[in-house]
Amino acid sequence: MLLYLRDSDGDHAVDVVRRDGLWLVTIDGTAHELDAAPDGEGGWLVAWQGRRRRLRVAARDQERFVFADGRTHRLQVVDPDRDGGREEDAAGPGLRAGMPGKVVRVLVEAGTRVQAGRPLVILESMKMETELLAGVAGTVARVHVTAGQVVAQGDPLVDVEPDQGAPAALPPGASP
């Protein structure tokens, strides 16, 4: 999962991959192996560089606040593929994850005809499941994810080829 984050030092590319029971976290080209597990209280226990740390993460819009070692780190999620990261861009033929999470279920496959507002993917984030809906009527062109996959905010989930003459995309949160 590739993330682009901004802090007071600038923009950073962060790639996170689960491998051999550990997490490989590459920040601006420098790789770090760490062991991380949920602490049962909404945070994470992380073993890294010979130390165990308890981390908590809170989200507000495009901001992430990481609480560790008595300090708060403020990060801004940057999506280089979106013009300004406007919420209005979320609906449309390319369904993207609006938040990081785990894909619980994929409800369509390539070739499936869908109407605007039809559930396409169920995503779990912060112990809540959310149905992600088609923004346009059309045919599923590509499914980018599988059940159990962890996704980052902005990751592509499903591409829908809009019907000819289909009405404009539904705004986020709207019902057909």
N, C-alpha and C. Protein backbone atom coordinates (compact mmCIF):
# COMPACT_ATOMS: atom_id res chain seq x y z
N MET A 1 0.87 -1.15 0.00
CA MET A 1 0.00 0.00 0.00
C MET A 1 0.91 1.21 0.00
N LEU A 2 0.79 2.05 -1.00
CA LEU A 2 1.62 3.24 -1.15
C LEU A 2 0.83 4.46 -0.69
N LEU A 3 1.43 5.21 0.22
CA LEU A 3 0.81 6.43 0.74
C LEU A 3 1.72 7.60 0.45
N TYR A 4 1.12 8.76 0.28
CA TYR A 4 1.88 10.00 0.17
C TYR A 4 1.45 10.87 1.33
N LEU A 5 2.41 11.20 2.20
CA LEU A 5 2.10 11.95 3.40
C LEU A 5 2.94 13.22 3.45
N ARG A 6 2.38 14.25 4.03
CA ARG A 6 3.07 15.53 4.17
C ARG A 6 3.15 15.86 5.66
N ASP A 7 4.33 16.26 6.10
CA ASP A 7 4.50 16.75 7.46
C ASP A 7 5.29 18.05 7.39
N SER A 8 5.76 18.54 8.52
CA SER A 8 6.46 19.82 8.54
C SER A 8 7.78 19.78 7.77
N ASP A 9 8.30 18.58 7.49
CA ASP A 9 9.53 18.44 6.73
C ASP A 9 9.31 18.31 5.22
N GLY A 10 8.05 18.20 4.77
CA GLY A 10 7.77 18.07 3.35
C GLY A 10 6.94 16.84 3.04
N ASP A 11 6.97 16.42 1.77
CA ASP A 11 6.20 15.27 1.30
C ASP A 11 7.06 14.00 1.38
N HIS A 12 6.39 12.89 1.70
CA HIS A 12 7.08 11.62 1.85
C HIS A 12 6.27 10.51 1.20
N ALA A 13 6.98 9.62 0.48
CA ALA A 13 6.35 8.42 -0.06
C ALA A 13 6.56 7.31 0.97
N VAL A 14 5.46 6.68 1.38
CA VAL A 14 5.51 5.62 2.39
C VAL A 14 4.85 4.38 1.79
N ASP A 15 5.63 3.31 1.68
CA ASP A 15 5.10 2.05 1.16
C ASP A 15 5.07 1.05 2.30
N VAL A 16 3.92 0.40 2.49
CA VAL A 16 3.74 -0.55 3.58
C VAL A 16 3.35 -1.90 2.98
N VAL A 17 4.13 -2.93 3.31
CA VAL A 17 3.90 -4.28 2.78
C VAL A 17 4.04 -5.28 3.92
N ARG A 18 3.10 -6.22 4.00
CA ARG A 18 3.17 -7.30 4.99
C ARG A 18 3.98 -8.42 4.37
N ARG A 19 5.06 -8.86 5.06
CA ARG A 19 5.91 -9.91 4.50
C ARG A 19 6.48 -10.77 5.62
N ASP A 20 6.29 -12.08 5.52
CA ASP A 20 6.83 -13.05 6.48
C ASP A 20 6.47 -12.70 7.92
N GLY A 21 5.22 -12.27 8.15
CA GLY A 21 4.76 -11.97 9.49
C GLY A 21 5.19 -10.62 10.03
N LEU A 22 5.98 -9.88 9.27
CA LEU A 22 6.43 -8.55 9.67
C LEU A 22 5.90 -7.52 8.68
N TRP A 23 6.02 -6.27 9.03
CA TRP A 23 5.67 -5.18 8.13
C TRP A 23 6.95 -4.57 7.61
N LEU A 24 7.04 -4.41 6.29
CA LEU A 24 8.16 -3.72 5.67
C LEU A 24 7.65 -2.32 5.33
N VAL A 25 8.18 -1.32 6.00
CA VAL A 25 7.76 0.06 5.80
C VAL A 25 8.92 0.81 5.16
N THR A 26 8.70 1.30 3.94
CA THR A 26 9.74 2.04 3.23
C THR A 26 9.33 3.50 3.17
N ILE A 27 10.15 4.36 3.77
CA ILE A 27 9.87 5.79 3.83
C ILE A 27 10.95 6.51 3.02
N ASP A 28 10.53 7.16 1.95
CA ASP A 28 11.45 7.88 1.07
C ASP A 28 12.64 7.01 0.67
N GLY A 29 12.37 5.74 0.36
CA GLY A 29 13.40 4.84 -0.14
C GLY A 29 14.18 4.09 0.93
N THR A 30 13.98 4.40 2.20
CA THR A 30 14.68 3.70 3.28
C THR A 30 13.73 2.69 3.91
N ALA A 31 14.13 1.40 3.89
CA ALA A 31 13.26 0.33 4.37
C ALA A 31 13.48 0.06 5.86
N HIS A 32 12.38 -0.24 6.57
CA HIS A 32 12.40 -0.58 7.98
C HIS A 32 11.49 -1.79 8.18
N GLU A 33 11.97 -2.82 8.90
CA GLU A 33 11.12 -3.94 9.25
C GLU A 33 10.61 -3.73 10.65
N LEU A 34 9.31 -3.96 10.85
CA LEU A 34 8.76 -3.82 12.19
C LEU A 34 7.67 -4.85 12.40
N ASP A 35 7.46 -5.15 13.68
CA ASP A 35 6.40 -6.06 14.08
C ASP A 35 5.30 -5.20 14.69
N ALA A 36 4.07 -5.37 14.24
CA ALA A 36 2.97 -4.56 14.75
C ALA A 36 1.74 -5.43 14.93
N ALA A 37 1.03 -5.17 16.04
CA ALA A 37 -0.19 -5.92 16.32
C ALA A 37 -1.16 -5.00 17.05
N PRO A 38 -2.46 -5.17 16.82
CA PRO A 38 -3.44 -4.37 17.56
C PRO A 38 -3.27 -4.60 19.06
N ASP A 39 -3.43 -3.53 19.85
CA ASP A 39 -3.25 -3.67 21.30
C ASP A 39 -4.55 -4.00 22.03
N GLY A 40 -5.66 -4.14 21.29
CA GLY A 40 -6.94 -4.45 21.90
C GLY A 40 -7.66 -3.25 22.47
N GLU A 41 -7.04 -2.09 22.40
CA GLU A 41 -7.64 -0.86 22.92
C GLU A 41 -7.73 0.22 21.84
N GLY A 42 -7.68 -0.19 20.58
CA GLY A 42 -7.80 0.76 19.48
C GLY A 42 -6.47 1.29 19.00
N GLY A 43 -5.38 0.84 19.54
CA GLY A 43 -4.05 1.28 19.11
C GLY A 43 -3.24 0.12 18.60
N TRP A 44 -1.94 0.33 18.50
CA TRP A 44 -1.03 -0.69 17.99
C TRP A 44 0.17 -0.81 18.91
N LEU A 45 0.66 -2.03 19.09
CA LEU A 45 1.94 -2.28 19.73
C LEU A 45 2.94 -2.53 18.61
N VAL A 46 3.99 -1.73 18.57
CA VAL A 46 4.95 -1.80 17.48
C VAL A 46 6.34 -2.04 18.05
N ALA A 47 7.02 -3.07 17.54
CA ALA A 47 8.41 -3.34 17.90
C ALA A 47 9.27 -2.89 16.72
N TRP A 48 10.17 -1.94 17.02
CA TRP A 48 11.00 -1.36 15.96
C TRP A 48 12.28 -0.84 16.57
N GLN A 49 13.39 -1.14 15.97
CA GLN A 49 14.71 -0.70 16.42
C GLN A 49 14.96 -1.06 17.88
N GLY A 50 14.54 -2.30 18.27
CA GLY A 50 14.79 -2.79 19.60
C GLY A 50 13.88 -2.23 20.69
N ARG A 51 12.91 -1.41 20.31
CA ARG A 51 11.98 -0.84 21.31
C ARG A 51 10.55 -1.20 20.96
N ARG A 52 9.74 -1.37 22.00
CA ARG A 52 8.29 -1.56 21.80
C ARG A 52 7.63 -0.23 22.08
N ARG A 53 6.74 0.15 21.18
CA ARG A 53 6.02 1.41 21.31
C ARG A 53 4.53 1.15 21.17
N ARG A 54 3.75 1.96 21.84
CA ARG A 54 2.30 1.93 21.68
C ARG A 54 1.94 3.15 20.83
N LEU A 55 1.24 2.91 19.72
CA LEU A 55 0.83 3.98 18.81
C LEU A 55 -0.68 4.05 18.75
N ARG A 56 -1.17 5.23 18.57
CA ARG A 56 -2.58 5.46 18.28
C ARG A 56 -2.65 6.40 17.08
N VAL A 57 -3.65 6.19 16.24
CA VAL A 57 -3.82 7.04 15.07
C VAL A 57 -5.25 7.54 15.06
N ALA A 58 -5.41 8.83 14.83
CA ALA A 58 -6.74 9.43 14.69
C ALA A 58 -6.79 10.15 13.35
N ALA A 59 -7.96 10.13 12.73
CA ALA A 59 -8.13 10.76 11.42
C ALA A 59 -9.17 11.87 11.49
N ARG A 60 -8.90 12.94 10.76
CA ARG A 60 -9.85 14.03 10.58
C ARG A 60 -9.67 14.52 9.15
N ASP A 61 -10.67 14.24 8.31
CA ASP A 61 -10.59 14.56 6.89
C ASP A 61 -9.30 13.97 6.31
N GLN A 62 -8.44 14.79 5.75
CA GLN A 62 -7.19 14.32 5.14
C GLN A 62 -6.01 14.34 6.12
N GLU A 63 -6.27 14.64 7.38
CA GLU A 63 -5.20 14.68 8.37
C GLU A 63 -5.15 13.38 9.16
N ARG A 64 -3.95 12.98 9.55
CA ARG A 64 -3.75 11.85 10.43
C ARG A 64 -2.89 12.33 11.59
N PHE A 65 -3.30 11.98 12.79
CA PHE A 65 -2.56 12.33 13.99
C PHE A 65 -2.04 11.04 14.59
N VAL A 66 -0.74 10.92 14.70
CA VAL A 66 -0.11 9.73 15.26
C VAL A 66 0.41 10.10 16.64
N PHE A 67 -0.05 9.38 17.66
CA PHE A 67 0.35 9.61 19.03
C PHE A 67 1.35 8.52 19.41
N ALA A 68 2.59 8.91 19.71
CA ALA A 68 3.64 7.95 20.06
C ALA A 68 4.67 8.62 20.95
N ASP A 69 5.14 7.88 21.93
CA ASP A 69 6.21 8.37 22.81
C ASP A 69 5.91 9.74 23.41
N GLY A 70 4.64 9.97 23.76
CA GLY A 70 4.27 11.23 24.39
C GLY A 70 4.21 12.42 23.44
N ARG A 71 4.33 12.17 22.15
CA ARG A 71 4.29 13.25 21.16
C ARG A 71 3.17 13.00 20.16
N THR A 72 2.70 14.08 19.56
CA THR A 72 1.70 13.99 18.50
C THR A 72 2.34 14.41 17.19
N HIS A 73 2.20 13.56 16.18
CA HIS A 73 2.74 13.84 14.85
C HIS A 73 1.56 14.07 13.92
N ARG A 74 1.53 15.22 13.25
CA ARG A 74 0.43 15.57 12.34
C ARG A 74 0.88 15.32 10.91
N LEU A 75 0.11 14.49 10.19
CA LEU A 75 0.40 14.16 8.80
C LEU A 75 -0.79 14.53 7.93
N GLN A 76 -0.52 14.96 6.73
CA GLN A 76 -1.56 15.27 5.76
C GLN A 76 -1.48 14.22 4.66
N VAL A 77 -2.60 13.55 4.35
CA VAL A 77 -2.63 12.58 3.26
C VAL A 77 -2.66 13.37 1.94
N VAL A 78 -1.74 13.04 1.06
CA VAL A 78 -1.64 13.71 -0.24
C VAL A 78 -1.94 12.68 -1.31
N ASP A 79 -2.84 12.99 -2.23
CA ASP A 79 -3.15 12.08 -3.33
C ASP A 79 -2.69 12.74 -4.62
N PRO A 80 -1.55 12.32 -5.16
CA PRO A 80 -1.02 12.96 -6.37
C PRO A 80 -1.87 12.75 -7.61
N ASP A 81 -2.81 11.76 -7.58
CA ASP A 81 -3.65 11.50 -8.74
C ASP A 81 -4.90 12.37 -8.79
N ARG A 82 -5.19 13.05 -7.68
CA ARG A 82 -6.43 13.84 -7.63
C ARG A 82 -6.10 15.32 -7.59
N ASP A 83 -6.87 16.09 -8.28
CA ASP A 83 -6.67 17.53 -8.37
C ASP A 83 -7.15 18.20 -7.09
N GLY A 84 -6.22 18.45 -6.17
CA GLY A 84 -6.58 19.15 -4.95
C GLY A 84 -7.25 18.27 -3.93
N GLY A 85 -7.50 16.97 -4.21
CA GLY A 85 -8.10 16.08 -3.23
C GLY A 85 -9.53 16.44 -2.87
N ARG A 86 -10.27 17.04 -3.80
CA ARG A 86 -11.64 17.46 -3.47
C ARG A 86 -12.54 16.25 -3.30
N GLU A 87 -13.44 16.31 -2.32
CA GLU A 87 -14.37 15.21 -2.05
C GLU A 87 -15.28 14.99 -3.24
N GLU A 88 -15.59 16.03 -3.99
CA GLU A 88 -16.50 15.88 -5.14
C GLU A 88 -15.94 14.91 -6.17
N ASP A 89 -14.62 14.73 -6.19
CA ASP A 89 -14.01 13.84 -7.16
C ASP A 89 -14.17 12.37 -6.79
N ALA A 90 -14.68 12.08 -5.58
CA ALA A 90 -14.75 10.70 -5.12
C ALA A 90 -15.78 9.88 -5.90
N ALA A 91 -16.89 10.49 -6.30
CA ALA A 91 -17.90 9.76 -7.07
C ALA A 91 -17.52 9.77 -8.53
N GLY A 92 -18.01 8.78 -9.26
CA GLY A 92 -17.71 8.74 -10.69
C GLY A 92 -17.36 7.33 -11.09
N PRO A 93 -16.81 7.18 -12.29
CA PRO A 93 -16.55 5.84 -12.80
C PRO A 93 -15.45 5.10 -12.07
N GLY A 94 -14.52 5.79 -11.44
CA GLY A 94 -13.44 5.13 -10.72
C GLY A 94 -13.69 5.19 -9.22
N LEU A 95 -14.14 4.08 -8.62
CA LEU A 95 -14.39 4.05 -7.18
C LEU A 95 -13.06 3.87 -6.46
N ARG A 96 -12.78 4.78 -5.52
CA ARG A 96 -11.54 4.74 -4.74
C ARG A 96 -11.89 4.67 -3.26
N ALA A 97 -10.96 4.15 -2.49
CA ALA A 97 -11.16 4.08 -1.04
C ALA A 97 -11.13 5.48 -0.46
N GLY A 98 -12.17 5.83 0.27
CA GLY A 98 -12.22 7.15 0.90
C GLY A 98 -11.45 7.21 2.20
N MET A 99 -11.01 6.05 2.68
CA MET A 99 -10.26 5.95 3.93
C MET A 99 -9.48 4.66 3.91
N PRO A 100 -8.43 4.54 4.71
CA PRO A 100 -7.74 3.26 4.76
C PRO A 100 -8.64 2.21 5.43
N GLY A 101 -8.48 0.98 5.04
CA GLY A 101 -9.30 -0.07 5.64
C GLY A 101 -9.02 -1.42 5.02
N LYS A 102 -9.91 -2.37 5.36
CA LYS A 102 -9.80 -3.73 4.86
C LYS A 102 -11.04 -4.05 4.04
N VAL A 103 -10.84 -4.62 2.87
CA VAL A 103 -11.95 -5.02 2.01
C VAL A 103 -12.60 -6.25 2.63
N VAL A 104 -13.87 -6.13 3.02
CA VAL A 104 -14.60 -7.24 3.61
C VAL A 104 -15.18 -8.12 2.51
N ARG A 105 -15.79 -7.46 1.52
CA ARG A 105 -16.44 -8.20 0.45
C ARG A 105 -16.45 -7.38 -0.83
N VAL A 106 -16.24 -8.05 -1.96
CA VAL A 106 -16.39 -7.43 -3.28
C VAL A 106 -17.69 -7.98 -3.84
N LEU A 107 -18.63 -7.09 -4.19
CA LEU A 107 -19.99 -7.48 -4.56
C LEU A 107 -20.21 -7.59 -6.07
N VAL A 108 -19.18 -7.27 -6.87
CA VAL A 108 -19.30 -7.31 -8.33
C VAL A 108 -18.04 -7.92 -8.93
N GLU A 109 -18.12 -8.24 -10.21
CA GLU A 109 -16.95 -8.69 -10.95
C GLU A 109 -16.95 -7.98 -12.29
N ALA A 110 -15.84 -8.03 -13.00
CA ALA A 110 -15.75 -7.39 -14.31
C ALA A 110 -16.87 -7.91 -15.20
N GLY A 111 -17.52 -6.99 -15.90
CA GLY A 111 -18.63 -7.34 -16.80
C GLY A 111 -20.00 -7.16 -16.18
N THR A 112 -20.07 -6.95 -14.86
CA THR A 112 -21.35 -6.76 -14.18
C THR A 112 -21.94 -5.40 -14.54
N ARG A 113 -23.22 -5.37 -14.91
CA ARG A 113 -23.93 -4.10 -15.16
C ARG A 113 -24.41 -3.57 -13.82
N VAL A 114 -24.21 -2.27 -13.59
CA VAL A 114 -24.61 -1.66 -12.32
C VAL A 114 -25.36 -0.36 -12.56
N GLN A 115 -26.22 -0.03 -11.62
CA GLN A 115 -26.91 1.27 -11.61
C GLN A 115 -26.18 2.17 -10.62
N ALA A 116 -26.27 3.47 -10.81
CA ALA A 116 -25.70 4.42 -9.86
C ALA A 116 -26.33 4.16 -8.49
N GLY A 117 -25.50 4.10 -7.47
CA GLY A 117 -25.99 3.85 -6.12
C GLY A 117 -25.93 2.40 -5.69
N ARG A 118 -25.59 1.48 -6.60
CA ARG A 118 -25.49 0.06 -6.23
C ARG A 118 -24.22 -0.16 -5.42
N PRO A 119 -24.31 -0.93 -4.33
CA PRO A 119 -23.10 -1.27 -3.56
C PRO A 119 -22.14 -2.11 -4.42
N LEU A 120 -20.86 -1.76 -4.37
CA LEU A 120 -19.84 -2.47 -5.13
C LEU A 120 -18.85 -3.20 -4.21
N VAL A 121 -18.50 -2.55 -3.10
CA VAL A 121 -17.49 -3.07 -2.19
C VAL A 121 -17.92 -2.75 -0.76
N ILE A 122 -17.63 -3.66 0.17
CA ILE A 122 -17.83 -3.37 1.59
C ILE A 122 -16.44 -3.24 2.20
N LEU A 123 -16.19 -2.09 2.82
CA LEU A 123 -14.89 -1.77 3.39
C LEU A 123 -15.03 -1.61 4.90
N GLU A 124 -14.12 -2.22 5.65
CA GLU A 124 -14.11 -2.06 7.10
C GLU A 124 -12.99 -1.11 7.50
N SER A 125 -13.34 -0.12 8.29
CA SER A 125 -12.36 0.83 8.79
C SER A 125 -12.78 1.25 10.18
N MET A 126 -11.85 1.22 11.11
CA MET A 126 -12.13 1.61 12.49
C MET A 126 -13.31 0.82 13.06
N LYS A 127 -13.33 -0.49 12.77
CA LYS A 127 -14.34 -1.43 13.27
C LYS A 127 -15.75 -1.16 12.76
N MET A 128 -15.87 -0.39 11.67
CA MET A 128 -17.18 -0.13 11.07
C MET A 128 -17.13 -0.55 9.61
N GLU A 129 -18.23 -1.16 9.14
CA GLU A 129 -18.32 -1.55 7.74
C GLU A 129 -19.10 -0.49 6.97
N THR A 130 -18.60 -0.17 5.77
CA THR A 130 -19.22 0.83 4.92
C THR A 130 -19.42 0.24 3.53
N GLU A 131 -20.65 0.39 2.99
CA GLU A 131 -20.90 0.00 1.61
C GLU A 131 -20.45 1.14 0.71
N LEU A 132 -19.60 0.85 -0.26
CA LEU A 132 -19.15 1.85 -1.21
C LEU A 132 -19.96 1.65 -2.49
N LEU A 133 -20.55 2.73 -2.98
CA LEU A 133 -21.54 2.67 -4.05
C LEU A 133 -21.01 3.13 -5.39
N ALA A 134 -21.62 2.60 -6.45
CA ALA A 134 -21.31 3.06 -7.81
C ALA A 134 -21.76 4.50 -7.96
N GLY A 135 -20.90 5.33 -8.51
CA GLY A 135 -21.23 6.74 -8.74
C GLY A 135 -21.98 6.96 -10.03
N VAL A 136 -21.90 5.98 -10.95
CA VAL A 136 -22.56 6.09 -12.26
C VAL A 136 -23.15 4.74 -12.65
N ALA A 137 -24.10 4.76 -13.56
CA ALA A 137 -24.62 3.53 -14.15
C ALA A 137 -23.66 3.10 -15.25
N GLY A 138 -23.43 1.79 -15.37
CA GLY A 138 -22.55 1.32 -16.42
C GLY A 138 -22.16 -0.13 -16.21
N THR A 139 -21.02 -0.50 -16.75
CA THR A 139 -20.51 -1.87 -16.67
C THR A 139 -19.18 -1.86 -15.94
N VAL A 140 -19.01 -2.79 -15.00
CA VAL A 140 -17.75 -2.88 -14.27
C VAL A 140 -16.66 -3.28 -15.26
N ALA A 141 -15.66 -2.40 -15.40
CA ALA A 141 -14.56 -2.65 -16.32
C ALA A 141 -13.43 -3.42 -15.64
N ARG A 142 -13.19 -3.10 -14.35
CA ARG A 142 -12.08 -3.75 -13.65
C ARG A 142 -12.31 -3.69 -12.15
N VAL A 143 -11.99 -4.78 -11.47
CA VAL A 143 -12.00 -4.83 -10.01
C VAL A 143 -10.55 -4.91 -9.58
N HIS A 144 -10.11 -3.94 -8.77
CA HIS A 144 -8.70 -3.84 -8.36
C HIS A 144 -8.39 -4.56 -7.06
N VAL A 145 -9.42 -5.00 -6.30
CA VAL A 145 -9.20 -5.53 -4.95
C VAL A 145 -9.86 -6.88 -4.77
N THR A 146 -9.47 -7.57 -3.70
CA THR A 146 -10.09 -8.84 -3.31
C THR A 146 -10.43 -8.77 -1.82
N ALA A 147 -11.34 -9.62 -1.40
CA ALA A 147 -11.72 -9.68 0.02
C ALA A 147 -10.47 -9.97 0.86
N GLY A 148 -10.34 -9.25 1.97
CA GLY A 148 -9.22 -9.42 2.87
C GLY A 148 -8.06 -8.48 2.60
N GLN A 149 -8.08 -7.82 1.46
CA GLN A 149 -7.00 -6.90 1.10
C GLN A 149 -7.08 -5.61 1.91
N VAL A 150 -5.94 -5.11 2.35
CA VAL A 150 -5.87 -3.84 3.06
C VAL A 150 -5.58 -2.75 2.03
N VAL A 151 -6.34 -1.65 2.09
CA VAL A 151 -6.18 -0.56 1.13
C VAL A 151 -5.90 0.74 1.86
N ALA A 152 -5.25 1.64 1.16
CA ALA A 152 -4.97 2.98 1.67
C ALA A 152 -6.01 3.94 1.10
N GLN A 153 -6.13 5.08 1.73
CA GLN A 153 -7.03 6.10 1.22
C GLN A 153 -6.60 6.46 -0.20
N GLY A 154 -7.57 6.50 -1.11
CA GLY A 154 -7.30 6.85 -2.50
C GLY A 154 -6.98 5.68 -3.40
N ASP A 155 -6.77 4.48 -2.82
CA ASP A 155 -6.48 3.31 -3.66
C ASP A 155 -7.67 3.00 -4.56
N PRO A 156 -7.42 2.61 -5.82
CA PRO A 156 -8.53 2.24 -6.70
C PRO A 156 -9.15 0.93 -6.26
N LEU A 157 -10.49 0.88 -6.30
CA LEU A 157 -11.22 -0.33 -5.91
C LEU A 157 -11.90 -0.97 -7.12
N VAL A 158 -12.76 -0.19 -7.81
CA VAL A 158 -13.52 -0.70 -8.95
C VAL A 158 -13.63 0.40 -10.00
N ASP A 159 -13.44 0.03 -11.27
CA ASP A 159 -13.65 0.96 -12.38
C ASP A 159 -14.95 0.59 -13.07
N VAL A 160 -15.81 1.58 -13.31
CA VAL A 160 -17.07 1.38 -14.01
C VAL A 160 -17.03 2.18 -15.30
N GLU A 161 -17.29 1.51 -16.41
CA GLU A 161 -17.40 2.19 -17.71
C GLU A 161 -18.81 2.74 -17.80
N PRO A 162 -18.97 4.09 -17.78
CA PRO A 162 -20.32 4.67 -17.76
C PRO A 162 -21.12 4.34 -19.02
N ASP A 163 -22.44 4.16 -18.84
CA ASP A 163 -23.33 3.98 -19.98
C ASP A 163 -23.33 5.25 -20.82
N GLN A 164 -23.55 5.08 -22.14
CA GLN A 164 -23.69 6.24 -23.02
C GLN A 164 -24.92 7.03 -22.59
N GLY A 165 -24.78 8.32 -22.40
CA GLY A 165 -25.92 9.16 -22.04
C GLY A 165 -26.36 9.01 -20.60
N ALA A 166 -25.53 8.35 -19.76
CA ALA A 166 -25.88 8.19 -18.35
C ALA A 166 -25.86 9.54 -17.67
N PRO A 167 -26.72 9.75 -16.66
CA PRO A 167 -26.70 11.01 -15.94
C PRO A 167 -25.35 11.21 -15.23
N ALA A 168 -25.10 12.43 -14.83
CA ALA A 168 -23.85 12.76 -14.14
C ALA A 168 -23.70 11.90 -12.89
N ALA A 169 -22.48 11.78 -12.42
CA ALA A 169 -22.19 10.97 -11.25
C ALA A 169 -22.93 11.50 -10.02
N LEU A 170 -23.30 10.56 -9.14
CA LEU A 170 -23.92 10.93 -7.88
C LEU A 170 -22.90 11.63 -7.01
N PRO A 171 -23.30 12.67 -6.29
CA PRO A 171 -22.37 13.26 -5.34
C PRO A 171 -22.13 12.29 -4.19
N PRO A 172 -20.96 12.37 -3.50
CA PRO A 172 -20.69 11.46 -2.40
C PRO A 172 -21.81 11.51 -1.36
N GLY A 173 -22.25 10.32 -0.91
CA GLY A 173 -23.27 10.23 0.12
C GLY A 173 -24.70 10.33 -0.39
N ALA A 174 -24.88 10.59 -1.69
CA ALA A 174 -26.24 10.73 -2.23
C ALA A 174 -26.83 9.38 -2.55
N SER A 175 -28.13 9.28 -2.54
CA SER A 175 -28.85 8.06 -2.94
C SER A 175 -29.46 8.28 -4.31
N PRO A 176 -29.59 7.21 -5.12
CA PRO A 176 -30.17 7.36 -6.45
C PRO A 176 -31.64 7.69 -6.39
